[in-house]
C-alpha cells in the first residue's frame, strides 16, 4: 500500500461539489459508486488511526500519578499533522475519480 500521507499532501481538504456523471462513469449507478467510495474511506480511516496510535505509542509513559503527565511538542505536532489531513471520504473520492480504486463483485456461490 502506498503512503497515504504523501499522496494527499496536495489534496484540497475542504468539501467540493462533484459532478455525479463523473462518479457514475465506472459504476452502474450512483449508489454503487458511493458504496465503493465509502468502503475505501473506511479502510483509509482504519489505516490512519492505526498509524497515528502506533506513532503516539512511542511517547507513552507509564506513571502512577497524574502530576507526572507532561506535554511533548513532537507528539503535539504529529497529532496536528493528522488533524490537518483531508477527511478519508475526500481521499477515497479522489482515488475513485483518479481510477486508483479497483473493485469487483464476489461470485454468488448459491449457498443460501
PDB file of N, CA and C in Angstrom:
ATOM      1  N   UNK A   1       0.839  -1.180   0.000  1.00  0.00           N
ATOM      2  CA  UNK A   1       0.000   0.000   0.000  1.00  0.00           C
ATOM      3  C   UNK A   1       0.883   1.242   0.000  1.00  0.00           C
ATOM      4  N   UNK A   2       0.534   2.218  -0.806  1.00  0.00           N
ATOM      5  CA  UNK A   2       1.315   3.445  -0.865  1.00  0.00           C
ATOM      6  C   UNK A   2       1.054   4.288   0.364  1.00  0.00           C
ATOM      7  N   UNK A   3       1.964   5.200   0.617  1.00  0.00           N
ATOM      8  CA  UNK A   3       1.856   6.063   1.774  1.00  0.00           C
ATOM      9  C   UNK A   3       0.760   7.101   1.538  1.00  0.00           C
ATOM     10  N   UNK A   4      -0.305   7.012   2.280  1.00  0.00           N
ATOM     11  CA  UNK A   4      -1.457   7.899   2.104  1.00  0.00           C
ATOM     12  C   UNK A   4      -1.069   9.340   2.411  1.00  0.00           C
ATOM     13  N   UNK A   5      -0.257   9.534   3.451  1.00  0.00           N
ATOM     14  CA  UNK A   5       0.090  10.892   3.859  1.00  0.00           C
ATOM     15  C   UNK A   5       0.796  11.655   2.751  1.00  0.00           C
ATOM     16  N   UNK A   6       1.705  11.030   2.064  1.00  0.00           N
ATOM     17  CA  UNK A   6       2.427  11.739   0.999  1.00  0.00           C
ATOM     18  C   UNK A   6       1.542  11.943  -0.229  1.00  0.00           C
ATOM     19  N   UNK A   7       0.612  11.031  -0.449  1.00  0.00           N
ATOM     20  CA  UNK A   7      -0.260  11.121  -1.616  1.00  0.00           C
ATOM     21  C   UNK A   7      -1.287  12.245  -1.485  1.00  0.00           C
ATOM     22  N   UNK A   8      -1.686  12.583  -0.280  1.00  0.00           N
ATOM     23  CA  UNK A   8      -2.755  13.572  -0.094  1.00  0.00           C
ATOM     24  C   UNK A   8      -2.237  14.964   0.231  1.00  0.00           C
ATOM     25  N   UNK A   9      -0.939  15.178   0.165  1.00  0.00           N
ATOM     26  CA  UNK A   9      -0.388  16.478   0.524  1.00  0.00           C
ATOM     27  C   UNK A   9      -0.978  17.611  -0.315  1.00  0.00           C
ATOM     28  N   UNK A  10      -1.208  17.412  -1.602  1.00  0.00           N
ATOM     29  CA  UNK A  10      -1.752  18.466  -2.445  1.00  0.00           C
ATOM     30  C   UNK A  10      -3.265  18.444  -2.561  1.00  0.00           C
ATOM     31  N   UNK A  11      -3.899  17.512  -1.891  1.00  0.00           N
ATOM     32  CA  UNK A  11      -5.347  17.355  -1.989  1.00  0.00           C
ATOM     33  C   UNK A  11      -6.063  18.436  -1.176  1.00  0.00           C
ATOM     34  N   UNK A  12      -7.085  19.014  -1.776  1.00  0.00           N
ATOM     35  CA  UNK A  12      -7.876  20.048  -1.111  1.00  0.00           C
ATOM     36  C   UNK A  12      -8.604  19.434   0.088  1.00  0.00           C
ATOM     37  N   UNK A  13      -8.381  19.959   1.303  1.00  0.00           N
ATOM     38  CA  UNK A  13      -9.001  19.365   2.493  1.00  0.00           C
ATOM     39  C   UNK A  13     -10.468  19.756   2.695  1.00  0.00           C
ATOM     40  N   UNK A  14     -10.979  20.653   1.854  1.00  0.00           N
ATOM     41  CA  UNK A  14     -12.370  21.086   2.005  1.00  0.00           C
ATOM     42  C   UNK A  14     -13.275  20.344   1.029  1.00  0.00           C
ATOM     43  N   UNK A  15     -14.527  20.209   1.408  1.00  0.00           N
ATOM     44  CA  UNK A  15     -15.515  19.520   0.580  1.00  0.00           C
ATOM     45  C   UNK A  15     -15.772  20.349  -0.675  1.00  0.00           C
ATOM     46  N   UNK A  16     -15.895  19.649  -1.809  1.00  0.00           N
ATOM     47  CA  UNK A  16     -16.177  20.306  -3.083  1.00  0.00           C
ATOM     48  C   UNK A  16     -17.383  19.644  -3.728  1.00  0.00           C
ATOM     49  N   UNK A  17     -18.097  20.422  -4.521  1.00  0.00           N
ATOM     50  CA  UNK A  17     -19.193  19.842  -5.298  1.00  0.00           C
ATOM     51  C   UNK A  17     -18.590  18.945  -6.366  1.00  0.00           C
ATOM     52  N   UNK A  18     -19.217  17.815  -6.639  1.00  0.00           N
ATOM     53  CA  UNK A  18     -18.728  16.861  -7.631  1.00  0.00           C
ATOM     54  C   UNK A  18     -19.788  16.630  -8.687  1.00  0.00           C
ATOM     55  N   UNK A  19     -19.341  16.378  -9.892  1.00  0.00           N
ATOM     56  CA  UNK A  19     -20.234  16.049 -10.986  1.00  0.00           C
ATOM     57  C   UNK A  19     -20.636  14.583 -10.833  1.00  0.00           C
ATOM     58  N   UNK A  20     -21.908  14.341 -10.664  1.00  0.00           N
ATOM     59  CA  UNK A  20     -22.403  12.984 -10.444  1.00  0.00           C
ATOM     60  C   UNK A  20     -22.055  12.080 -11.626  1.00  0.00           C
ATOM     61  N   UNK A  21     -22.045  12.636 -12.823  1.00  0.00           N
ATOM     62  CA  UNK A  21     -21.719  11.822 -14.009  1.00  0.00           C
ATOM     63  C   UNK A  21     -20.298  11.276 -13.936  1.00  0.00           C
ATOM     64  N   UNK A  22     -19.386  12.033 -13.318  1.00  0.00           N
ATOM     65  CA  UNK A  22     -18.022  11.536 -13.145  1.00  0.00           C
ATOM     66  C   UNK A  22     -17.990  10.343 -12.199  1.00  0.00           C
ATOM     67  N   UNK A  23     -18.809  10.409 -11.148  1.00  0.00           N
ATOM     68  CA  UNK A  23     -18.834   9.322 -10.168  1.00  0.00           C
ATOM     69  C   UNK A  23     -19.421   8.046 -10.758  1.00  0.00           C
ATOM     70  N   UNK A  24     -20.311   8.174 -11.719  1.00  0.00           N
ATOM     71  CA  UNK A  24     -21.015   7.018 -12.265  1.00  0.00           C
ATOM     72  C   UNK A  24     -20.279   6.412 -13.468  1.00  0.00           C
ATOM     73  N   UNK A  25     -19.211   7.033 -13.935  1.00  0.00           N
ATOM     74  CA  UNK A  25     -18.554   6.552 -15.154  1.00  0.00           C
ATOM     75  C   UNK A  25     -18.045   5.112 -15.037  1.00  0.00           C
ATOM     76  N   UNK A  26     -17.622   4.676 -13.855  1.00  0.00           N
ATOM     77  CA  UNK A  26     -17.107   3.315 -13.672  1.00  0.00           C
ATOM     78  C   UNK A  26     -18.109   2.386 -13.001  1.00  0.00           C
ATOM     79  N   UNK A  27     -19.219   2.918 -12.562  1.00  0.00           N
ATOM     80  CA  UNK A  27     -20.199   2.112 -11.830  1.00  0.00           C
ATOM     81  C   UNK A  27     -21.508   2.065 -12.605  1.00  0.00           C
ATOM     82  N   UNK A  28     -22.362   1.150 -12.220  1.00  0.00           N
ATOM     83  CA  UNK A  28     -23.664   1.030 -12.867  1.00  0.00           C
ATOM     84  C   UNK A  28     -24.609   2.142 -12.428  1.00  0.00           C
ATOM     85  N   UNK A  29     -24.439   2.614 -11.188  1.00  0.00           N
ATOM     86  CA  UNK A  29     -25.292   3.687 -10.692  1.00  0.00           C
ATOM     87  C   UNK A  29     -24.576   4.435  -9.576  1.00  0.00           C
ATOM     88  N   UNK A  30     -25.156   5.520  -9.145  1.00  0.00           N
ATOM     89  CA  UNK A  30     -24.522   6.376  -8.139  1.00  0.00           C
ATOM     90  C   UNK A  30     -24.385   5.660  -6.797  1.00  0.00           C
ATOM     91  N   UNK A  31     -25.321   4.796  -6.472  1.00  0.00           N
ATOM     92  CA  UNK A  31     -25.275   4.094  -5.188  1.00  0.00           C
ATOM     93  C   UNK A  31     -24.099   3.124  -5.131  1.00  0.00           C
ATOM     94  N   UNK A  32     -23.834   2.482  -6.247  1.00  0.00           N
ATOM     95  CA  UNK A  32     -22.680   1.581  -6.315  1.00  0.00           C
ATOM     96  C   UNK A  32     -21.385   2.375  -6.154  1.00  0.00           C
ATOM     97  N   UNK A  33     -21.296   3.504  -6.830  1.00  0.00           N
ATOM     98  CA  UNK A  33     -20.101   4.342  -6.732  1.00  0.00           C
ATOM     99  C   UNK A  33     -19.890   4.826  -5.307  1.00  0.00           C
ATOM    100  N   UNK A  34     -20.959   5.281  -4.681  1.00  0.00           N
ATOM    101  CA  UNK A  34     -20.845   5.766  -3.304  1.00  0.00           C
ATOM    102  C   UNK A  34     -20.492   4.642  -2.334  1.00  0.00           C
ATOM    103  N   UNK A  35     -20.973   3.444  -2.595  1.00  0.00           N
ATOM    104  CA  UNK A  35     -20.645   2.303  -1.753  1.00  0.00           C
ATOM    105  C   UNK A  35     -19.153   1.980  -1.850  1.00  0.00           C
ATOM    106  N   UNK A  36     -18.615   2.004  -3.055  1.00  0.00           N
ATOM    107  CA  UNK A  36     -17.188   1.749  -3.250  1.00  0.00           C
ATOM    108  C   UNK A  36     -16.366   2.816  -2.521  1.00  0.00           C
ATOM    109  N   UNK A  37     -16.761   4.080  -2.678  1.00  0.00           N
ATOM    110  CA  UNK A  37     -16.043   5.178  -2.025  1.00  0.00           C
ATOM    111  C   UNK A  37     -16.138   5.048  -0.503  1.00  0.00           C
ATOM    112  N   UNK A  38     -17.306   4.718   0.007  1.00  0.00           N
ATOM    113  CA  UNK A  38     -17.499   4.585   1.458  1.00  0.00           C
ATOM    114  C   UNK A  38     -16.659   3.452   2.035  1.00  0.00           C
ATOM    115  N   UNK A  39     -16.602   2.323   1.336  1.00  0.00           N
ATOM    116  CA  UNK A  39     -15.806   1.194   1.831  1.00  0.00           C
ATOM    117  C   UNK A  39     -14.323   1.542   1.831  1.00  0.00           C
ATOM    118  N   UNK A  40     -13.865   2.237   0.801  1.00  0.00           N
ATOM    119  CA  UNK A  40     -12.454   2.643   0.749  1.00  0.00           C
ATOM    120  C   UNK A  40     -12.171   3.672   1.838  1.00  0.00           C
ATOM    121  N   UNK A  41     -13.100   4.590   2.079  1.00  0.00           N
ATOM    122  CA  UNK A  41     -12.919   5.589   3.137  1.00  0.00           C
ATOM    123  C   UNK A  41     -12.783   4.914   4.500  1.00  0.00           C
ATOM    124  N   UNK A  42     -13.540   3.865   4.724  1.00  0.00           N
ATOM    125  CA  UNK A  42     -13.431   3.112   5.983  1.00  0.00           C
ATOM    126  C   UNK A  42     -12.051   2.487   6.118  1.00  0.00           C
ATOM    127  N   UNK A  43     -11.537   1.916   5.031  1.00  0.00           N
ATOM    128  CA  UNK A  43     -10.191   1.333   5.054  1.00  0.00           C
ATOM    129  C   UNK A  43      -9.139   2.398   5.372  1.00  0.00           C
ATOM    130  N   UNK A  44      -9.243   3.547   4.719  1.00  0.00           N
ATOM    131  CA  UNK A  44      -8.289   4.629   4.943  1.00  0.00           C
ATOM    132  C   UNK A  44      -8.357   5.101   6.386  1.00  0.00           C
ATOM    133  N   UNK A  45      -9.569   5.258   6.902  1.00  0.00           N
ATOM    134  CA  UNK A  45      -9.756   5.710   8.275  1.00  0.00           C
ATOM    135  C   UNK A  45      -9.090   4.762   9.269  1.00  0.00           C
ATOM    136  N   UNK A  46      -9.290   3.479   9.085  1.00  0.00           N
ATOM    137  CA  UNK A  46      -8.696   2.485   9.982  1.00  0.00           C
ATOM    138  C   UNK A  46      -7.169   2.521   9.868  1.00  0.00           C
ATOM    139  N   UNK A  47      -6.654   2.610   8.644  1.00  0.00           N
ATOM    140  CA  UNK A  47      -5.203   2.653   8.445  1.00  0.00           C
ATOM    141  C   UNK A  47      -4.585   3.875   9.120  1.00  0.00           C
ATOM    142  N   UNK A  48      -5.200   5.035   8.936  1.00  0.00           N
ATOM    143  CA  UNK A  48      -4.675   6.255   9.547  1.00  0.00           C
ATOM    144  C   UNK A  48      -4.754   6.195  11.071  1.00  0.00           C
ATOM    145  N   UNK A  49      -5.833   5.635  11.583  1.00  0.00           N
ATOM    146  CA  UNK A  49      -5.998   5.527  13.026  1.00  0.00           C
ATOM    147  C   UNK A  49      -4.919   4.626  13.628  1.00  0.00           C
ATOM    148  N   UNK A  50      -4.679   3.473  13.001  1.00  0.00           N
ATOM    149  CA  UNK A  50      -3.642   2.561  13.492  1.00  0.00           C
ATOM    150  C   UNK A  50      -2.265   3.209  13.409  1.00  0.00           C
ATOM    151  N   UNK A  51      -2.016   3.912  12.321  1.00  0.00           N
ATOM    152  CA  UNK A  51      -0.726   4.567  12.147  1.00  0.00           C
ATOM    153  C   UNK A  51      -0.513   5.650  13.201  1.00  0.00           C
ATOM    154  N   UNK A  52      -1.535   6.461  13.441  1.00  0.00           N
ATOM    155  CA  UNK A  52      -1.423   7.513  14.442  1.00  0.00           C
ATOM    156  C   UNK A  52      -1.200   6.927  15.831  1.00  0.00           C
ATOM    157  N   UNK A  53      -1.959   5.910  16.185  1.00  0.00           N
ATOM    158  CA  UNK A  53      -1.804   5.293  17.507  1.00  0.00           C
ATOM    159  C   UNK A  53      -0.423   4.676  17.662  1.00  0.00           C
ATOM    160  N   UNK A  54       0.106   4.078  16.597  1.00  0.00           N
ATOM    161  CA  UNK A  54       1.448   3.498  16.662  1.00  0.00           C
ATOM    162  C   UNK A  54       2.496   4.579  16.902  1.00  0.00           C
ATOM    163  N   UNK A  55       2.340   5.713  16.233  1.00  0.00           N
ATOM    164  CA  UNK A  55       3.291   6.810  16.423  1.00  0.00           C
ATOM    165  C   UNK A  55       3.182   7.406  17.824  1.00  0.00           C
ATOM    166  N   UNK A  56       1.964   7.536  18.326  1.00  0.00           N
ATOM    167  CA  UNK A  56       1.782   8.123  19.651  1.00  0.00           C
ATOM    168  C   UNK A  56       2.182   7.157  20.765  1.00  0.00           C
ATOM    169  N   UNK A  57       2.149   5.854  20.488  1.00  0.00           N
ATOM    170  CA  UNK A  57       2.574   4.867  21.488  1.00  0.00           C
ATOM    171  C   UNK A  57       4.045   5.041  21.842  1.00  0.00           C
ATOM    172  N   UNK A  58       4.837   5.576  20.912  1.00  0.00           N
ATOM    173  CA  UNK A  58       6.259   5.800  21.182  1.00  0.00           C
ATOM    174  C   UNK A  58       6.451   6.782  22.331  1.00  0.00           C
ATOM    175  N   UNK A  59       5.454   7.646  22.548  1.00  0.00           N
ATOM    176  CA  UNK A  59       5.555   8.666  23.584  1.00  0.00           C
ATOM    177  C   UNK A  59       4.866   8.261  24.875  1.00  0.00           C
ATOM    178  N   UNK A  60       4.247   7.101  24.879  1.00  0.00           N
ATOM    179  CA  UNK A  60       3.504   6.661  26.063  1.00  0.00           C
ATOM    180  C   UNK A  60       4.456   6.443  27.231  1.00  0.00           C
ATOM    181  N   UNK A  61       4.058   6.960  28.370  1.00  0.00           N
ATOM    182  CA  UNK A  61       4.851   6.819  29.586  1.00  0.00           C
ATOM    183  C   UNK A  61       3.952   6.209  30.649  1.00  0.00           C
ATOM    184  N   UNK A  62       4.425   5.165  31.255  1.00  0.00           N
ATOM    185  CA  UNK A  62       3.658   4.545  32.335  1.00  0.00           C
ATOM    186  C   UNK A  62       3.998   5.248  33.642  1.00  0.00           C
ATOM    187  N   UNK A  63       3.016   5.910  34.215  1.00  0.00           N
ATOM    188  CA  UNK A  63       3.228   6.572  35.502  1.00  0.00           C
ATOM    189  C   UNK A  63       1.995   6.369  36.366  1.00  0.00           C
ATOM    190  N   UNK A  64       2.220   6.428  37.647  1.00  0.00           N
ATOM    191  CA  UNK A  64       1.136   6.186  38.594  1.00  0.00           C
ATOM    192  C   UNK A  64       0.405   7.457  38.997  1.00  0.00           C
ATOM    193  N   UNK A  65       1.045   8.590  38.830  1.00  0.00           N
ATOM    194  CA  UNK A  65       0.400   9.824  39.280  1.00  0.00           C
ATOM    195  C   UNK A  65       0.072  10.722  38.100  1.00  0.00           C
ATOM    196  N   UNK A  66      -0.986  11.448  38.254  1.00  0.00           N
ATOM    197  CA  UNK A  66      -1.425  12.350  37.192  1.00  0.00           C
ATOM    198  C   UNK A  66      -0.511  13.581  37.104  1.00  0.00           C
ATOM    199  N   UNK A  67       0.211  13.873  38.161  1.00  0.00           N
ATOM    200  CA  UNK A  67       1.090  15.041  38.186  1.00  0.00           C
ATOM    201  C   UNK A  67       2.291  14.876  37.260  1.00  0.00           C
ATOM    202  N   UNK A  68       2.606  13.648  36.890  1.00  0.00           N
ATOM    203  CA  UNK A  68       3.786  13.402  36.069  1.00  0.00           C
ATOM    204  C   UNK A  68       3.514  13.521  34.573  1.00  0.00           C
ATOM    205  N   UNK A  69       2.284  13.852  34.196  1.00  0.00           N
ATOM    206  CA  UNK A  69       1.950  13.997  32.789  1.00  0.00           C
ATOM    207  C   UNK A  69       2.577  15.282  32.266  1.00  0.00           C
ATOM    208  N   UNK A  70       3.250  15.179  31.120  1.00  0.00           N
ATOM    209  CA  UNK A  70       3.866  16.352  30.523  1.00  0.00           C
ATOM    210  C   UNK A  70       3.579  16.364  29.024  1.00  0.00           C
ATOM    211  N   UNK A  71       3.685  17.537  28.447  1.00  0.00           N
ATOM    212  CA  UNK A  71       3.422  17.673  27.018  1.00  0.00           C
ATOM    213  C   UNK A  71       4.715  17.466  26.244  1.00  0.00           C
ATOM    214  N   UNK A  72       4.600  16.791  25.152  1.00  0.00           N
ATOM    215  CA  UNK A  72       5.728  16.574  24.274  1.00  0.00           C
ATOM    216  C   UNK A  72       5.419  17.294  22.963  1.00  0.00           C
ATOM    217  N   UNK A  73       6.259  18.250  22.585  1.00  0.00           N
ATOM    218  CA  UNK A  73       5.995  19.055  21.389  1.00  0.00           C
ATOM    219  C   UNK A  73       5.935  18.198  20.135  1.00  0.00           C
ATOM    220  N   UNK A  74       6.767  17.186  20.041  1.00  0.00           N
ATOM    221  CA  UNK A  74       6.760  16.319  18.864  1.00  0.00           C
ATOM    222  C   UNK A  74       5.441  15.551  18.778  1.00  0.00           C
ATOM    223  N   UNK A  75       4.949  15.103  19.901  1.00  0.00           N
ATOM    224  CA  UNK A  75       3.667  14.400  19.949  1.00  0.00           C
ATOM    225  C   UNK A  75       2.535  15.321  19.503  1.00  0.00           C
ATOM    226  N   UNK A  76       2.570  16.557  19.925  1.00  0.00           N
ATOM    227  CA  UNK A  76       1.552  17.533  19.537  1.00  0.00           C
ATOM    228  C   UNK A  76       1.615  17.796  18.045  1.00  0.00           C
ATOM    229  N   UNK A  77       2.810  17.928  17.493  1.00  0.00           N
ATOM    230  CA  UNK A  77       2.975  18.168  16.056  1.00  0.00           C
ATOM    231  C   UNK A  77       2.454  16.998  15.230  1.00  0.00           C
ATOM    232  N   UNK A  78       2.707  15.776  15.681  1.00  0.00           N
ATOM    233  CA  UNK A  78       2.204  14.597  14.977  1.00  0.00           C
ATOM    234  C   UNK A  78       0.681  14.611  14.977  1.00  0.00           C
ATOM    235  N   UNK A  79       0.086  14.905  16.117  1.00  0.00           N
ATOM    236  CA  UNK A  79      -1.375  14.955  16.213  1.00  0.00           C
ATOM    237  C   UNK A  79      -1.950  16.036  15.306  1.00  0.00           C
ATOM    238  N   UNK A  80      -1.327  17.205  15.297  1.00  0.00           N
ATOM    239  CA  UNK A  80      -1.806  18.291  14.435  1.00  0.00           C
ATOM    240  C   UNK A  80      -1.696  17.924  12.961  1.00  0.00           C
ATOM    241  N   UNK A  81      -0.616  17.227  12.585  1.00  0.00           N
ATOM    242  CA  UNK A  81      -0.443  16.812  11.199  1.00  0.00           C
ATOM    243  C   UNK A  81      -1.599  15.915  10.762  1.00  0.00           C
ATOM    244  N   UNK A  82      -1.943  14.935  11.592  1.00  0.00           N
ATOM    245  CA  UNK A  82      -3.032  14.021  11.249  1.00  0.00           C
ATOM    246  C   UNK A  82      -4.382  14.737  11.238  1.00  0.00           C
ATOM    247  N   UNK A  83      -4.549  15.750  12.089  1.00  0.00           N
ATOM    248  CA  UNK A  83      -5.793  16.506  12.093  1.00  0.00           C
ATOM    249  C   UNK A  83      -5.965  17.314  10.813  1.00  0.00           C
ATOM    250  N   UNK A  84      -4.859  17.757  10.223  1.00  0.00           N
ATOM    251  CA  UNK A  84      -4.919  18.569   9.004  1.00  0.00           C
ATOM    252  C   UNK A  84      -5.103  17.739   7.735  1.00  0.00           C
ATOM    253  N   UNK A  85      -4.950  16.427   7.825  1.00  0.00           N
ATOM    254  CA  UNK A  85      -5.149  15.587   6.641  1.00  0.00           C
ATOM    255  C   UNK A  85      -6.598  15.682   6.177  1.00  0.00           C
ATOM    256  N   UNK A  86      -6.829  15.568   4.881  1.00  0.00           N
ATOM    257  CA  UNK A  86      -8.212  15.572   4.389  1.00  0.00           C
ATOM    258  C   UNK A  86      -8.998  14.405   4.975  1.00  0.00           C
ATOM    259  N   UNK A  87     -10.287  14.584   5.061  1.00  0.00           N
ATOM    260  CA  UNK A  87     -11.188  13.549   5.540  1.00  0.00           C
ATOM    261  C   UNK A  87     -11.019  12.289   4.678  1.00  0.00           C
ATOM    262  N   UNK A  88     -11.079  11.091   5.266  1.00  0.00           N
ATOM    263  CA  UNK A  88     -10.937   9.861   4.486  1.00  0.00           C
ATOM    264  C   UNK A  88     -11.907   9.754   3.303  1.00  0.00           C
ATOM    265  N   UNK A  89     -13.106  10.319   3.430  1.00  0.00           N
ATOM    266  CA  UNK A  89     -14.059  10.282   2.314  1.00  0.00           C
ATOM    267  C   UNK A  89     -13.532  11.115   1.146  1.00  0.00           C
ATOM    268  N   UNK A  90     -12.910  12.253   1.440  1.00  0.00           N
ATOM    269  CA  UNK A  90     -12.338  13.076   0.378  1.00  0.00           C
ATOM    270  C   UNK A  90     -11.174  12.366  -0.306  1.00  0.00           C
ATOM    271  N   UNK A  91     -10.364  11.670   0.482  1.00  0.00           N
ATOM    272  CA  UNK A  91      -9.245  10.911  -0.080  1.00  0.00           C
ATOM    273  C   UNK A  91      -9.776   9.796  -0.973  1.00  0.00           C
ATOM    274  N   UNK A  92     -10.773   9.060  -0.478  1.00  0.00           N
ATOM    275  CA  UNK A  92     -11.342   7.950  -1.244  1.00  0.00           C
ATOM    276  C   UNK A  92     -12.014   8.447  -2.521  1.00  0.00           C
ATOM    277  N   UNK A  93     -12.691   9.580  -2.454  1.00  0.00           N
ATOM    278  CA  UNK A  93     -13.328  10.142  -3.649  1.00  0.00           C
ATOM    279  C   UNK A  93     -12.282  10.514  -4.682  1.00  0.00           C
ATOM    280  N   UNK A  94     -11.194  11.100  -4.230  1.00  0.00           N
ATOM    281  CA  UNK A  94     -10.104  11.451  -5.142  1.00  0.00           C
ATOM    282  C   UNK A  94      -9.515  10.196  -5.787  1.00  0.00           C
ATOM    283  N   UNK A  95      -9.295   9.169  -4.988  1.00  0.00           N
ATOM    284  CA  UNK A  95      -8.777   7.901  -5.525  1.00  0.00           C
ATOM    285  C   UNK A  95      -9.745   7.318  -6.551  1.00  0.00           C
ATOM    286  N   UNK A  96     -11.027   7.368  -6.258  1.00  0.00           N
ATOM    287  CA  UNK A  96     -12.035   6.822  -7.162  1.00  0.00           C
ATOM    288  C   UNK A  96     -12.040   7.571  -8.493  1.00  0.00           C
ATOM    289  N   UNK A  97     -12.007   8.889  -8.418  1.00  0.00           N
ATOM    290  CA  UNK A  97     -12.041   9.690  -9.639  1.00  0.00           C
ATOM    291  C   UNK A  97     -10.753   9.568 -10.453  1.00  0.00           C
ATOM    292  N   UNK A  98      -9.654   9.213  -9.797  1.00  0.00           N
ATOM    293  CA  UNK A  98      -8.376   9.022 -10.490  1.00  0.00           C
ATOM    294  C   UNK A  98      -8.134   7.559 -10.870  1.00  0.00           C
ATOM    295  N   UNK A  99      -9.177   6.742 -10.798  1.00  0.00           N
ATOM    296  CA  UNK A  99      -9.116   5.317 -11.140  1.00  0.00           C
ATOM    297  C   UNK A  99      -8.047   4.559 -10.343  1.00  0.00           C
ATOM    298  N   UNK A 100      -7.896   4.898  -9.081  1.00  0.00           N
ATOM    299  CA  UNK A 100      -6.934   4.226  -8.213  1.00  0.00           C
ATOM    300  C   UNK A 100      -7.588   3.155  -7.345  1.00  0.00           C
ATOM    301  N   UNK A 101      -8.899   3.036  -7.432  1.00  0.00           N
ATOM    302  CA  UNK A 101      -9.623   2.024  -6.667  1.00  0.00           C
ATOM    303  C   UNK A 101     -10.117   0.971  -7.642  1.00  0.00           C
ATOM    304  N   UNK A 102      -9.801  -0.266  -7.340  1.00  0.00           N
ATOM    305  CA  UNK A 102     -10.276  -1.373  -8.167  1.00  0.00           C
ATOM    306  C   UNK A 102     -11.250  -2.187  -7.332  1.00  0.00           C
ATOM    307  N   UNK A 103     -12.435  -2.376  -7.853  1.00  0.00           N
ATOM    308  CA  UNK A 103     -13.442  -3.126  -7.115  1.00  0.00           C
ATOM    309  C   UNK A 103     -14.046  -4.193  -8.026  1.00  0.00           C
ATOM    310  N   UNK A 104     -14.553  -5.226  -7.385  1.00  0.00           N
ATOM    311  CA  UNK A 104     -15.224  -6.301  -8.117  1.00  0.00           C
ATOM    312  C   UNK A 104     -16.272  -6.920  -7.204  1.00  0.00           C
ATOM    313  N   UNK A 105     -17.166  -7.652  -7.811  1.00  0.00           N
ATOM    314  CA  UNK A 105     -18.210  -8.329  -7.057  1.00  0.00           C
ATOM    315  C   UNK A 105     -17.767  -9.750  -6.747  1.00  0.00           C
ATOM    316  N   UNK A 106     -18.150 -10.205  -5.583  1.00  0.00           N
ATOM    317  CA  UNK A 106     -17.914 -11.606  -5.259  1.00  0.00           C
ATOM    318  C   UNK A 106     -18.865 -12.453  -6.082  1.00  0.00           C
ATOM    319  N   UNK A 107     -18.389 -13.593  -6.460  1.00  0.00           N
ATOM    320  CA  UNK A 107     -19.271 -14.514  -7.205  1.00  0.00           C
ATOM    321  C   UNK A 107     -20.265 -15.130  -6.247  1.00  0.00           C
ATOM    322  N   UNK A 108     -21.495 -15.214  -6.670  1.00  0.00           N
ATOM    323  CA  UNK A 108     -22.532 -15.821  -5.849  1.00  0.00           C
ATOM    324  C   UNK A 108     -22.360 -17.336  -5.922  1.00  0.00           C
ATOM    325  N   UNK A 109     -22.149 -17.970  -4.799  1.00  0.00           N
ATOM    326  CA  UNK A 109     -21.924 -19.419  -4.760  1.00  0.00           C
ATOM    327  C   UNK A 109     -23.219 -20.200  -4.732  1.00  0.00           C
ATOM    328  N   UNK A 110     -24.316 -19.554  -4.521  1.00  0.00           N
ATOM    329  CA  UNK A 110     -25.590 -20.240  -4.460  1.00  0.00           C
ATOM    330  C   UNK A 110     -25.831 -20.959  -3.151  1.00  0.00           C
ATOM    331  N   UNK A 111     -25.019 -20.677  -2.133  1.00  0.00           N
ATOM    332  CA  UNK A 111     -25.148 -21.306  -0.811  1.00  0.00           C
ATOM    333  C   UNK A 111     -26.102 -20.496   0.045  1.00  0.00           C
ATOM    334  N   UNK A 112     -27.363 -20.605  -0.181  1.00  0.00           N
ATOM    335  CA  UNK A 112     -28.324 -19.819   0.595  1.00  0.00           C
ATOM    336  C   UNK A 112     -28.924 -20.647   1.661  1.00  0.00           C
TER     337      UNK A 112
END
